[in-house]
Protein backbone atom coordinates (compact mmCIF):
# COMPACT_ATOMS: atom_id res chain seq x y z
CA MET A 1 107.17 121.12 140.70
CA ASN A 2 106.06 124.82 141.70
CA ALA A 3 102.81 125.09 143.17
CA LYS A 4 100.47 127.06 141.89
CA PRO A 5 99.95 130.53 143.54
CA PRO A 6 96.79 131.12 145.60
CA ALA A 7 93.81 132.29 143.35
CA LYS A 8 94.25 136.29 144.79
CA TYR A 9 97.60 136.11 143.47
CA GLN A 10 97.11 138.11 140.68
CA PRO A 11 99.89 140.54 138.44
CA VAL A 12 98.96 144.23 139.59
CA LEU A 13 100.41 145.30 136.00
CA SER A 14 99.02 142.94 133.58
CA ARG A 15 100.34 142.19 130.17
CA ARG A 16 97.76 144.90 127.96
CA LYS A 17 98.06 147.51 130.71
CA PHE A 18 102.40 147.40 130.70
CA THR A 19 101.71 147.57 127.17
CA GLN A 20 99.32 150.44 127.84
CA ILE A 21 102.13 152.23 129.38
CA SER A 22 104.78 151.93 126.96
CA GLY A 23 101.83 153.20 123.95
CA ILE A 24 101.20 156.29 126.17
CA ALA A 25 105.00 157.10 126.33
CA ALA A 26 105.49 156.77 123.16
CA ALA A 27 102.17 158.56 122.70
CA ALA A 28 103.40 161.16 124.58
CA GLY A 29 106.56 161.98 122.59
CA LEU A 30 109.09 161.20 125.06
CA CYS A 31 112.03 161.18 122.48
CA ALA A 32 110.49 164.16 120.66
CA PRO A 33 112.79 167.21 120.68
CA SER A 34 110.25 169.83 121.66
CA VAL A 35 109.81 166.90 124.86
CA LEU A 36 113.01 166.97 125.57
CA ALA A 37 113.62 170.66 125.37
CA GLN A 38 110.96 170.81 128.37
CA ALA A 39 112.90 168.35 130.58
CA PRO A 40 114.07 169.92 133.80
CA ALA A 41 118.13 171.80 133.67
CA GLY A 42 120.13 169.28 135.62
CA ILE A 43 122.99 166.31 134.71
CA ASP A 44 121.95 162.68 134.75
CA SER A 45 123.51 160.33 136.68
CA ASN A 46 125.82 159.50 133.32
CA GLY A 47 127.08 163.66 133.49
CA PHE A 48 124.58 164.81 130.52
CA PRO A 49 122.79 167.93 130.31
CA ILE A 50 119.05 166.47 131.15
CA ASN A 51 117.85 169.93 128.97
CA ASP A 52 120.24 168.90 126.17
CA PRO A 53 118.87 165.83 123.99
CA ALA A 54 121.37 166.57 121.21
CA ALA A 55 124.47 166.05 124.70
CA GLN A 56 122.48 162.59 124.75
CA PRO A 57 123.98 159.47 123.56
CA LYS A 58 121.59 157.75 121.15
CA LEU A 59 119.92 154.83 123.27
CA GLU A 60 117.91 151.60 121.92
CA ARG A 61 114.41 151.83 124.38
CA ARG A 62 112.79 148.69 125.03
CA VAL A 63 109.94 149.33 127.46
CA SER A 64 107.37 146.63 125.92
CA GLY A 65 109.00 142.94 127.21
CA PHE A 66 106.57 142.14 129.70
CA VAL A 67 107.18 138.69 130.40
CA ALA A 68 105.51 137.54 134.35
CA ARG A 69 107.57 135.76 136.11
CA ASP A 70 107.31 132.47 138.94
CA TRP A 71 109.16 134.09 142.07
CA GLN A 72 109.71 130.74 143.09
CA ASP A 73 111.96 130.02 140.15
CA TYR A 74 114.56 132.77 141.66
CA PHE A 75 114.36 132.61 145.34
CA SER A 76 113.73 129.85 148.22
CA SER A 77 110.68 131.90 150.25
CA ARG A 78 108.65 135.52 149.89
CA ALA A 79 110.22 136.77 153.08
CA ASN A 80 110.43 140.24 153.20
CA GLY A 81 109.13 140.81 150.01
CA LEU A 82 111.29 139.72 146.38
CA ILE A 83 112.52 141.78 143.72
CA LEU A 84 113.95 140.31 140.18
CA VAL A 85 115.39 143.07 138.42
CA ASP A 86 115.97 141.31 134.37
CA THR A 87 118.54 143.31 133.52
CA ARG A 88 117.83 141.87 129.38
CA ALA A 89 114.06 142.03 129.36
CA ARG A 90 114.75 145.60 131.03
CA VAL A 91 112.04 144.67 133.62
CA LEU A 92 111.95 145.05 137.56
CA HIS A 93 108.97 142.35 138.99
CA TYR A 94 108.25 142.69 142.95
CA TRP A 95 106.59 140.42 144.68
CA ASP A 96 104.85 140.89 148.15
CA GLU A 97 105.74 138.59 151.10
CA GLU A 98 101.90 137.67 151.67
CA GLY A 99 101.99 136.47 148.16
CA ALA A 100 99.00 138.97 147.02
CA ILE A 101 100.71 141.80 145.01
CA TYR A 102 102.70 141.62 141.46
CA ASN A 103 103.97 144.17 140.27
CA VAL A 104 105.86 144.22 137.30
CA TYR A 105 108.20 147.76 136.25
CA PRO A 106 110.00 148.56 133.54
CA THR A 107 113.50 149.80 134.24
CA SER A 108 116.54 152.02 133.07
CA VAL A 109 120.16 149.31 133.26
CA PRO A 110 123.90 149.60 133.24
CA LEU A 111 125.41 151.44 129.69
CA THR A 112 127.65 148.04 129.12
CA PRO A 113 128.28 144.30 130.77
CA GLU A 114 131.40 145.82 132.91
CA LEU A 115 129.33 148.56 134.43
CA THR A 116 126.01 145.28 135.01
CA ARG A 117 126.56 143.67 138.53
CA THR A 118 124.12 140.57 138.97
CA GLY A 119 123.21 138.51 141.77
CA ARG A 120 121.95 138.33 144.62
CA THR A 121 121.93 141.27 147.59
CA GLN A 122 118.93 143.26 149.98
CA VAL A 123 117.31 146.45 150.60
CA THR A 124 119.68 148.20 153.27
CA ARG A 125 118.32 151.34 153.21
CA LYS A 126 115.39 153.36 151.78
CA ARG A 127 115.60 157.33 150.98
CA GLU A 128 112.67 159.69 149.92
CA GLY A 129 114.53 162.40 148.70
CA PRO A 130 118.03 161.04 147.90
CA ASP A 131 120.82 163.31 147.25
CA TRP A 132 123.46 162.07 144.84
CA ARG A 133 127.47 162.14 144.42
CA PRO A 134 129.28 160.69 141.51
CA THR A 135 131.43 157.84 142.37
CA PRO A 136 135.01 157.96 141.70
CA ASN A 137 135.16 155.66 138.93
CA MET A 138 132.54 158.62 137.45
CA LEU A 139 134.48 161.65 138.73
CA LYS A 140 137.70 159.65 136.76
CA ARG A 141 135.75 159.06 133.35
CA ASN A 142 134.29 162.29 133.34
CA PRO A 143 136.22 165.74 135.60
CA ASP A 144 133.48 167.96 135.08
CA LEU A 145 130.49 166.11 137.13
CA PRO A 146 129.33 167.65 139.99
CA GLU A 147 130.62 166.37 143.32
CA TYR A 148 127.31 166.79 144.73
CA VAL A 149 123.99 167.23 144.34
CA GLY A 150 120.58 167.66 146.79
CA PRO A 151 117.24 166.67 146.15
CA GLY A 152 114.96 167.82 143.63
CA PRO A 153 113.95 167.90 140.16
CA GLN A 154 117.98 167.83 139.28
CA ASN A 155 118.97 165.13 141.17
CA PRO A 156 119.69 161.87 139.35
CA LEU A 157 118.44 159.58 141.51
CA GLY A 158 114.70 161.27 140.91
CA THR A 159 111.71 161.20 144.06
CA HIS A 160 112.97 157.79 146.23
CA ALA A 161 116.22 155.50 146.33
CA LEU A 162 116.41 151.97 148.02
CA TYR A 163 120.05 151.08 148.69
CA LEU A 164 121.52 147.83 148.09
CA SER A 165 124.26 145.66 150.45
CA TRP A 166 126.59 146.00 147.10
CA ARG A 167 128.19 150.04 147.36
CA TYR A 168 126.76 152.51 144.75
CA TYR A 169 124.08 150.42 143.94
CA ARG A 170 120.26 151.24 143.99
CA ILE A 171 117.10 151.20 142.34
CA HIS A 172 116.28 154.48 142.26
CA GLY A 173 113.68 156.93 140.74
CA THR A 174 114.60 159.78 137.78
CA ASN A 175 114.20 162.62 136.33
CA ASP A 176 114.82 161.81 132.87
CA THR A 177 111.40 159.82 131.71
CA ARG A 178 113.67 159.29 128.58
CA LYS A 179 116.16 156.94 130.21
CA ILE A 180 113.38 153.50 130.80
CA GLY A 181 113.72 151.01 128.75
CA ARG A 182 117.07 151.97 128.02
CA LYS A 183 121.31 150.96 129.21
CA SER A 184 121.81 154.39 130.57
CA SER A 185 122.91 154.24 133.68
CA ASN A 186 126.73 153.53 135.12
CA GLY A 187 125.23 150.76 137.23
CA CYS A 188 121.76 151.58 138.58
CA ILE A 189 118.42 150.48 137.86
CA GLY A 190 115.98 153.04 137.75
CA LEU A 191 112.39 153.70 137.69
CA TYR A 192 109.05 156.44 136.16
CA ASN A 193 109.64 158.52 139.49
CA GLU A 194 105.21 157.57 139.80
CA GLN A 195 106.79 153.88 140.15
CA ILE A 196 109.37 153.82 142.67
CA ALA A 197 107.14 155.34 144.71
CA GLU A 198 104.77 152.65 144.78
CA LEU A 199 108.14 150.27 144.95
CA PHE A 200 109.42 152.51 148.09
CA GLY A 201 106.08 151.74 149.87
CA LEU A 202 105.88 147.98 149.31
CA ALA A 203 109.77 147.00 149.75
CA LYS A 204 111.13 147.12 153.19
CA VAL A 205 114.58 147.24 154.74
CA GLY A 206 115.89 143.35 153.48
CA THR A 207 113.81 142.72 151.27
CA GLN A 208 115.59 140.18 148.61
CA VAL A 209 116.85 141.27 145.84
CA LEU A 210 118.13 139.13 142.74
CA LEU A 211 119.71 140.72 139.76
CA ILE A 212 119.93 138.54 136.42
């Protein structure tokens, strides 16, 4: 039987707050052409121009499926902190090592089951202002992709990145907010830049990660 969390162990992002974020995103017109046209110029991690909505694939958005999780259902200890990514719900859960923080963030997830990797890994590196290079498979699918994009508003990894022990897999930000809540990546997990910055400050090298 799972022990009940201590009284101080409260989700930082409640269901109401999570829903409010979704409502704010919708009210802001994140999918409206007038807003999309104002997005920073550049390409995303799939090779689509960020500022060209006509070039983007039509993708289903899901950002309101908040379900609280119990870390003990997925991990044996809280050592180094915990990250659980639910690729079906398109949500990331974070618990700190002390049991005082439980945060939930909406995410983007891979486009297809073939690109989706599940299982256990860990954070092996943290980088603020990451640069980006397409993988060999991405270049095969789209030879027109640039071979390198430096840090900045055109970078598909956003402002911060957590590198995992799996090669080419990361949890990172995005400068294209339309991706959040959607199947829209080549394998990585994306968060709003503001939220990856928060997670970046909480997670550490060695933080346990599980994708389901």
